[in-house]
Amino acid sequence: MTKLLEQAFTKVSSLPDELQDTIAQNLIQEVEWESQWEETLSTNQESVDDMALKALQEFKEGKTDMLGFDEL
């Protein structure tokens, strides 16, 4: 375990049990999501590559619009 993660656990351990459980659930969900994302990328790399190439081609052909985060 890294020192930073140890520091985080130390700080969280001083919080009320209910809040500790909420933080723990959030952390577990994040780890599971990250694991699923890594699996998706590794098993579908060809389709990810194809989508990236298609997006790049559409950009080069002027078929895309530049948007800011508030316009998505």
PDB file of N, CA and C in Angstrom:
ATOM      1  N   MET A   1       0.848  -1.168   0.000  1.00  0.00           N
ATOM      2  CA  MET A   1       0.000   0.000   0.000  1.00  0.00           C
ATOM      3  C   MET A   1       0.897   1.236   0.000  1.00  0.00           C
ATOM      4  N   THR A   2       0.502   2.229  -0.777  1.00  0.00           N
ATOM      5  CA  THR A   2       1.310   3.448  -0.829  1.00  0.00           C
ATOM      6  C   THR A   2       1.091   4.284   0.425  1.00  0.00           C
ATOM      7  N   LYS A   3       2.030   5.184   0.675  1.00  0.00           N
ATOM      8  CA  LYS A   3       1.922   6.065   1.844  1.00  0.00           C
ATOM      9  C   LYS A   3       0.706   6.982   1.722  1.00  0.00           C
ATOM     10  N   LEU A   4       0.430   7.432   0.502  1.00  0.00           N
ATOM     11  CA  LEU A   4      -0.724   8.320   0.313  1.00  0.00           C
ATOM     12  C   LEU A   4      -2.032   7.599   0.624  1.00  0.00           C
ATOM     13  N   LEU A   5      -2.148   6.356   0.187  1.00  0.00           N
ATOM     14  CA  LEU A   5      -3.357   5.588   0.482  1.00  0.00           C
ATOM     15  C   LEU A   5      -3.468   5.329   1.980  1.00  0.00           C
ATOM     16  N   GLU A   6      -2.347   5.056   2.634  1.00  0.00           N
ATOM     17  CA  GLU A   6      -2.355   4.884   4.097  1.00  0.00           C
ATOM     18  C   GLU A   6      -2.841   6.151   4.777  1.00  0.00           C
ATOM     19  N   GLN A   7      -2.374   7.312   4.312  1.00  0.00           N
ATOM     20  CA  GLN A   7      -2.810   8.591   4.884  1.00  0.00           C
ATOM     21  C   GLN A   7      -4.313   8.771   4.706  1.00  0.00           C
ATOM     22  N   ALA A   8      -4.813   8.421   3.527  1.00  0.00           N
ATOM     23  CA  ALA A   8      -6.245   8.556   3.266  1.00  0.00           C
ATOM     24  C   ALA A   8      -7.042   7.662   4.206  1.00  0.00           C
ATOM     25  N   PHE A   9      -6.610   6.407   4.367  1.00  0.00           N
ATOM     26  CA  PHE A   9      -7.319   5.495   5.269  1.00  0.00           C
ATOM     27  C   PHE A   9      -7.255   5.979   6.710  1.00  0.00           C
ATOM     28  N   THR A  10      -6.133   6.531   7.113  1.00  0.00           N
ATOM     29  CA  THR A  10      -6.004   7.057   8.474  1.00  0.00           C
ATOM     30  C   THR A  10      -6.998   8.188   8.697  1.00  0.00           C
ATOM     31  N   LYS A  11      -7.101   9.102   7.737  1.00  0.00           N
ATOM     32  CA  LYS A  11      -8.036  10.216   7.880  1.00  0.00           C
ATOM     33  C   LYS A  11      -9.479   9.732   7.875  1.00  0.00           C
ATOM     34  N   VAL A  12      -9.790   8.806   6.980  1.00  0.00           N
ATOM     35  CA  VAL A  12     -11.152   8.301   6.894  1.00  0.00           C
ATOM     36  C   VAL A  12     -11.533   7.547   8.162  1.00  0.00           C
ATOM     37  N   SER A  13     -10.582   6.881   8.796  1.00  0.00           N
ATOM     38  CA  SER A  13     -10.885   6.087  10.000  1.00  0.00           C
ATOM     39  C   SER A  13     -11.361   6.948  11.162  1.00  0.00           C
ATOM     40  N   SER A  14     -11.116   8.245  11.111  1.00  0.00           N
ATOM     41  CA  SER A  14     -11.564   9.119  12.202  1.00  0.00           C
ATOM     42  C   SER A  14     -12.978   9.657  11.954  1.00  0.00           C
ATOM     43  N   LEU A  15     -13.562   9.346  10.824  1.00  0.00           N
ATOM     44  CA  LEU A  15     -14.909   9.814  10.503  1.00  0.00           C
ATOM     45  C   LEU A  15     -15.950   8.865  11.094  1.00  0.00           C
ATOM     46  N   PRO A  16     -17.203   9.322  11.171  1.00  0.00           N
ATOM     47  CA  PRO A  16     -18.269   8.436  11.656  1.00  0.00           C
ATOM     48  C   PRO A  16     -18.405   7.193  10.765  1.00  0.00           C
ATOM     49  N   ASP A  17     -18.842   6.092  11.373  1.00  0.00           N
ATOM     50  CA  ASP A  17     -18.944   4.816  10.663  1.00  0.00           C
ATOM     51  C   ASP A  17     -19.761   4.918   9.377  1.00  0.00           C
ATOM     52  N   GLU A  18     -20.865   5.622   9.425  1.00  0.00           N
ATOM     53  CA  GLU A  18     -21.729   5.739   8.247  1.00  0.00           C
ATOM     54  C   GLU A  18     -20.986   6.390   7.081  1.00  0.00           C
ATOM     55  N   LEU A  19     -20.239   7.434   7.364  1.00  0.00           N
ATOM     56  CA  LEU A  19     -19.472   8.112   6.323  1.00  0.00           C
ATOM     57  C   LEU A  19     -18.323   7.234   5.837  1.00  0.00           C
ATOM     58  N   GLN A  20     -17.699   6.499   6.758  1.00  0.00           N
ATOM     59  CA  GLN A  20     -16.648   5.558   6.360  1.00  0.00           C
ATOM     60  C   GLN A  20     -17.192   4.532   5.370  1.00  0.00           C
ATOM     61  N   ASP A  21     -18.397   4.004   5.653  1.00  0.00           N
ATOM     62  CA  ASP A  21     -19.000   3.018   4.767  1.00  0.00           C
ATOM     63  C   ASP A  21     -19.307   3.611   3.391  1.00  0.00           C
ATOM     64  N   THR A  22     -19.762   4.843   3.367  1.00  0.00           N
ATOM     65  CA  THR A  22     -20.053   5.506   2.092  1.00  0.00           C
ATOM     66  C   THR A  22     -18.785   5.675   1.271  1.00  0.00           C
ATOM     67  N   ILE A  23     -17.732   6.114   1.916  1.00  0.00           N
ATOM     68  CA  ILE A  23     -16.454   6.283   1.224  1.00  0.00           C
ATOM     69  C   ILE A  23     -15.927   4.942   0.739  1.00  0.00           C
ATOM     70  N   ALA A  24     -16.054   3.920   1.557  1.00  0.00           N
ATOM     71  CA  ALA A  24     -15.608   2.575   1.170  1.00  0.00           C
ATOM     72  C   ALA A  24     -16.392   2.068  -0.037  1.00  0.00           C
ATOM     73  N   GLN A  25     -17.708   2.259  -0.037  1.00  0.00           N
ATOM     74  CA  GLN A  25     -18.525   1.834  -1.172  1.00  0.00           C
ATOM     75  C   GLN A  25     -18.108   2.561  -2.450  1.00  0.00           C
ATOM     76  N   ASN A  26     -17.859   3.857  -2.334  1.00  0.00           N
ATOM     77  CA  ASN A  26     -17.425   4.637  -3.492  1.00  0.00           C
ATOM     78  C   ASN A  26     -16.086   4.146  -4.023  1.00  0.00           C
ATOM     79  N   LEU A  27     -15.178   3.846  -3.123  1.00  0.00           N
ATOM     80  CA  LEU A  27     -13.857   3.354  -3.525  1.00  0.00           C
ATOM     81  C   LEU A  27     -13.969   1.992  -4.212  1.00  0.00           C
ATOM     82  N   ILE A  28     -14.777   1.111  -3.642  1.00  0.00           N
ATOM     83  CA  ILE A  28     -14.971  -0.213  -4.249  1.00  0.00           C
ATOM     84  C   ILE A  28     -15.583  -0.084  -5.635  1.00  0.00           C
ATOM     85  N   GLN A  29     -16.587   0.773  -5.778  1.00  0.00           N
ATOM     86  CA  GLN A  29     -17.213   0.985  -7.091  1.00  0.00           C
ATOM     87  C   GLN A  29     -16.200   1.515  -8.099  1.00  0.00           C
ATOM     88  N   GLU A  30     -15.361   2.434  -7.669  1.00  0.00           N
ATOM     89  CA  GLU A  30     -14.354   3.012  -8.559  1.00  0.00           C
ATOM     90  C   GLU A  30     -13.356   1.951  -9.013  1.00  0.00           C
ATOM     91  N   VAL A  31     -12.912   1.103  -8.096  1.00  0.00           N
ATOM     92  CA  VAL A  31     -11.961   0.039  -8.438  1.00  0.00           C
ATOM     93  C   VAL A  31     -12.608  -0.951  -9.404  1.00  0.00           C
ATOM     94  N   GLU A  32     -13.861  -1.318  -9.146  1.00  0.00           N
ATOM     95  CA  GLU A  32     -14.562  -2.239 -10.043  1.00  0.00           C
ATOM     96  C   GLU A  32     -14.758  -1.623 -11.420  1.00  0.00           C
ATOM     97  N   TRP A  33     -15.138  -0.340 -11.470  1.00  0.00           N
ATOM     98  CA  TRP A  33     -15.330   0.353 -12.745  1.00  0.00           C
ATOM     99  C   TRP A  33     -14.016   0.385 -13.520  1.00  0.00           C
ATOM    100  N   GLU A  34     -12.938   0.704 -12.849  1.00  0.00           N
ATOM    101  CA  GLU A  34     -11.624   0.774 -13.503  1.00  0.00           C
ATOM    102  C   GLU A  34     -11.234  -0.590 -14.062  1.00  0.00           C
ATOM    103  N   SER A  35     -11.492  -1.636 -13.302  1.00  0.00           N
ATOM    104  CA  SER A  35     -11.184  -2.989 -13.752  1.00  0.00           C
ATOM    105  C   SER A  35     -12.000  -3.351 -14.988  1.00  0.00           C
ATOM    106  N   GLN A  36     -13.288  -3.021 -14.974  1.00  0.00           N
ATOM    107  CA  GLN A  36     -14.145  -3.288 -16.126  1.00  0.00           C
ATOM    108  C   GLN A  36     -13.691  -2.496 -17.337  1.00  0.00           C
ATOM    109  N   TRP A  37     -13.291  -1.244 -17.127  1.00  0.00           N
ATOM    110  CA  TRP A  37     -12.831  -0.401 -18.226  1.00  0.00           C
ATOM    111  C   TRP A  37     -11.565  -0.986 -18.852  1.00  0.00           C
ATOM    112  N   GLU A  38     -10.634  -1.401 -18.022  1.00  0.00           N
ATOM    113  CA  GLU A  38      -9.400  -2.001 -18.529  1.00  0.00           C
ATOM    114  C   GLU A  38      -9.703  -3.273 -19.322  1.00  0.00           C
ATOM    115  N   GLU A  39     -10.644  -4.076 -18.829  1.00  0.00           N
ATOM    116  CA  GLU A  39     -11.021  -5.301 -19.536  1.00  0.00           C
ATOM    117  C   GLU A  39     -11.673  -4.966 -20.874  1.00  0.00           C
ATOM    118  N   THR A  40     -12.532  -3.967 -20.886  1.00  0.00           N
ATOM    119  CA  THR A  40     -13.200  -3.559 -22.122  1.00  0.00           C
ATOM    120  C   THR A  40     -12.181  -3.101 -23.150  1.00  0.00           C
ATOM    121  N   LEU A  41     -11.243  -2.298 -22.717  1.00  0.00           N
ATOM    122  CA  LEU A  41     -10.227  -1.804 -23.648  1.00  0.00           C
ATOM    123  C   LEU A  41      -9.361  -2.934 -24.189  1.00  0.00           C
ATOM    124  N   SER A  42      -9.009  -3.878 -23.328  1.00  0.00           N
ATOM    125  CA  SER A  42      -8.118  -4.952 -23.771  1.00  0.00           C
ATOM    126  C   SER A  42      -8.836  -5.950 -24.675  1.00  0.00           C
ATOM    127  N   THR A  43     -10.113  -6.200 -24.437  1.00  0.00           N
ATOM    128  CA  THR A  43     -10.826  -7.185 -25.261  1.00  0.00           C
ATOM    129  C   THR A  43     -11.423  -6.588 -26.517  1.00  0.00           C
ATOM    130  N   ASN A  44     -11.580  -5.281 -26.552  1.00  0.00           N
ATOM    131  CA  ASN A  44     -12.201  -4.624 -27.699  1.00  0.00           C
ATOM    132  C   ASN A  44     -11.256  -3.623 -28.354  1.00  0.00           C
ATOM    133  N   GLN A  45      -9.966  -3.870 -28.253  1.00  0.00           N
ATOM    134  CA  GLN A  45      -8.995  -2.901 -28.750  1.00  0.00           C
ATOM    135  C   GLN A  45      -9.177  -2.624 -30.240  1.00  0.00           C
ATOM    136  N   GLU A  46      -9.512  -3.653 -31.016  1.00  0.00           N
ATOM    137  CA  GLU A  46      -9.680  -3.460 -32.454  1.00  0.00           C
ATOM    138  C   GLU A  46     -10.824  -2.490 -32.746  1.00  0.00           C
ATOM    139  N   SER A  47     -11.954  -2.652 -32.054  1.00  0.00           N
ATOM    140  CA  SER A  47     -13.080  -1.757 -32.305  1.00  0.00           C
ATOM    141  C   SER A  47     -12.784  -0.349 -31.785  1.00  0.00           C
ATOM    142  N   VAL A  48     -12.035  -0.233 -30.688  1.00  0.00           N
ATOM    143  CA  VAL A  48     -11.630   1.088 -30.200  1.00  0.00           C
ATOM    144  C   VAL A  48     -10.731   1.763 -31.233  1.00  0.00           C
ATOM    145  N   ASP A  49      -9.793   1.010 -31.780  1.00  0.00           N
ATOM    146  CA  ASP A  49      -8.915   1.546 -32.823  1.00  0.00           C
ATOM    147  C   ASP A  49      -9.716   1.979 -34.042  1.00  0.00           C
ATOM    148  N   ASP A  50     -10.684   1.160 -34.445  1.00  0.00           N
ATOM    149  CA  ASP A  50     -11.519   1.497 -35.606  1.00  0.00           C
ATOM    150  C   ASP A  50     -12.302   2.780 -35.370  1.00  0.00           C
ATOM    151  N   MET A  51     -12.873   2.931 -34.160  1.00  0.00           N
ATOM    152  CA  MET A  51     -13.631   4.148 -33.847  1.00  0.00           C
ATOM    153  C   MET A  51     -12.726   5.374 -33.851  1.00  0.00           C
ATOM    154  N   ALA A  52     -11.516   5.220 -33.346  1.00  0.00           N
ATOM    155  CA  ALA A  52     -10.569   6.342 -33.316  1.00  0.00           C
ATOM    156  C   ALA A  52     -10.186   6.749 -34.735  1.00  0.00           C
ATOM    157  N   LEU A  53      -9.933   5.781 -35.591  1.00  0.00           N
ATOM    158  CA  LEU A  53      -9.583   6.089 -36.979  1.00  0.00           C
ATOM    159  C   LEU A  53     -10.742   6.760 -37.700  1.00  0.00           C
ATOM    160  N   LYS A  54     -11.957   6.286 -37.449  1.00  0.00           N
ATOM    161  CA  LYS A  54     -13.135   6.887 -38.070  1.00  0.00           C
ATOM    162  C   LYS A  54     -13.307   8.332 -37.598  1.00  0.00           C
ATOM    163  N   ALA A  55     -13.140   8.560 -36.312  1.00  0.00           N
ATOM    164  CA  ALA A  55     -13.270   9.910 -35.765  1.00  0.00           C
ATOM    165  C   ALA A  55     -12.210  10.839 -36.348  1.00  0.00           C
ATOM    166  N   LEU A  56     -10.998  10.347 -36.471  1.00  0.00           N
ATOM    167  CA  LEU A  56      -9.928  11.156 -37.048  1.00  0.00           C
ATOM    168  C   LEU A  56     -10.230  11.485 -38.501  1.00  0.00           C
ATOM    169  N   GLN A  57     -10.729  10.522 -39.258  1.00  0.00           N
ATOM    170  CA  GLN A  57     -11.069  10.751 -40.656  1.00  0.00           C
ATOM    171  C   GLN A  57     -12.185  11.784 -40.781  1.00  0.00           C
ATOM    172  N   GLU A  58     -13.209  11.672 -39.935  1.00  0.00           N
ATOM    173  CA  GLU A  58     -14.306  12.637 -39.962  1.00  0.00           C
ATOM    174  C   GLU A  58     -13.814  14.035 -39.610  1.00  0.00           C
ATOM    175  N   PHE A  59     -12.881  14.131 -38.688  1.00  0.00           N
ATOM    176  CA  PHE A  59     -12.295  15.425 -38.326  1.00  0.00           C
ATOM    177  C   PHE A  59     -11.555  16.016 -39.519  1.00  0.00           C
ATOM    178  N   LYS A  60     -10.744  15.199 -40.190  1.00  0.00           N
ATOM    179  CA  LYS A  60      -9.980  15.667 -41.352  1.00  0.00           C
ATOM    180  C   LYS A  60     -10.899  16.107 -42.487  1.00  0.00           C
ATOM    181  N   GLU A  61     -12.064  15.483 -42.599  1.00  0.00           N
ATOM    182  CA  GLU A  61     -13.021  15.816 -43.655  1.00  0.00           C
ATOM    183  C   GLU A  61     -13.930  16.979 -43.267  1.00  0.00           C
ATOM    184  N   GLY A  62     -13.715  17.553 -42.096  1.00  0.00           N
ATOM    185  CA  GLY A  62     -14.504  18.690 -41.648  1.00  0.00           C
ATOM    186  C   GLY A  62     -15.922  18.330 -41.233  1.00  0.00           C
ATOM    187  N   LYS A  63     -16.150  17.096 -40.863  1.00  0.00           N
ATOM    188  CA  LYS A  63     -17.477  16.636 -40.489  1.00  0.00           C
ATOM    189  C   LYS A  63     -17.733  16.720 -38.984  1.00  0.00           C
ATOM    190  N   THR A  64     -16.848  17.362 -38.253  1.00  0.00           N
ATOM    191  CA  THR A  64     -16.997  17.456 -36.804  1.00  0.00           C
ATOM    192  C   THR A  64     -17.085  18.912 -36.382  1.00  0.00           C
ATOM    193  N   ASP A  65     -17.605  19.158 -35.212  1.00  0.00           N
ATOM    194  CA  ASP A  65     -17.688  20.488 -34.636  1.00  0.00           C
ATOM    195  C   ASP A  65     -16.913  20.524 -33.335  1.00  0.00           C
ATOM    196  N   MET A  66     -16.227  21.617 -33.099  1.00  0.00           N
ATOM    197  CA  MET A  66     -15.527  21.801 -31.836  1.00  0.00           C
ATOM    198  C   MET A  66     -16.543  22.281 -30.809  1.00  0.00           C
ATOM    199  N   LEU A  67     -16.632  21.575 -29.667  1.00  0.00           N
ATOM    200  CA  LEU A  67     -17.564  21.932 -28.602  1.00  0.00           C
ATOM    201  C   LEU A  67     -16.830  22.043 -27.283  1.00  0.00           C
ATOM    202  N   GLY A  68     -17.304  22.910 -26.436  1.00  0.00           N
ATOM    203  CA  GLY A  68     -16.792  23.004 -25.089  1.00  0.00           C
ATOM    204  C   GLY A  68     -17.562  22.055 -24.193  1.00  0.00           C
ATOM    205  N   PHE A  69     -17.089  21.872 -22.968  1.00  0.00           N
ATOM    206  CA  PHE A  69     -17.761  20.960 -22.043  1.00  0.00           C
ATOM    207  C   PHE A  69     -19.209  21.338 -21.791  1.00  0.00           C
ATOM    208  N   ASP A  70     -19.502  22.641 -21.759  1.00  0.00           N
ATOM    209  CA  ASP A  70     -20.864  23.070 -21.479  1.00  0.00           C
ATOM    210  C   ASP A  70     -21.782  22.898 -22.683  1.00  0.00           C
ATOM    211  N   GLU A  71     -21.241  22.514 -23.826  1.00  0.00           N
ATOM    212  CA  GLU A  71     -22.045  22.320 -25.032  1.00  0.00           C
ATOM    213  C   GLU A  71     -22.298  20.851 -25.348  1.00  0.00           C
ATOM    214  N   LEU A  72     -21.765  19.954 -24.554  1.00  0.00           N
ATOM    215  CA  LEU A  72     -21.943  18.524 -24.820  1.00  0.00           C
ATOM    216  C   LEU A  72     -23.329  18.065 -24.456  1.00  0.00           C
TER     217      LEU A  72
END
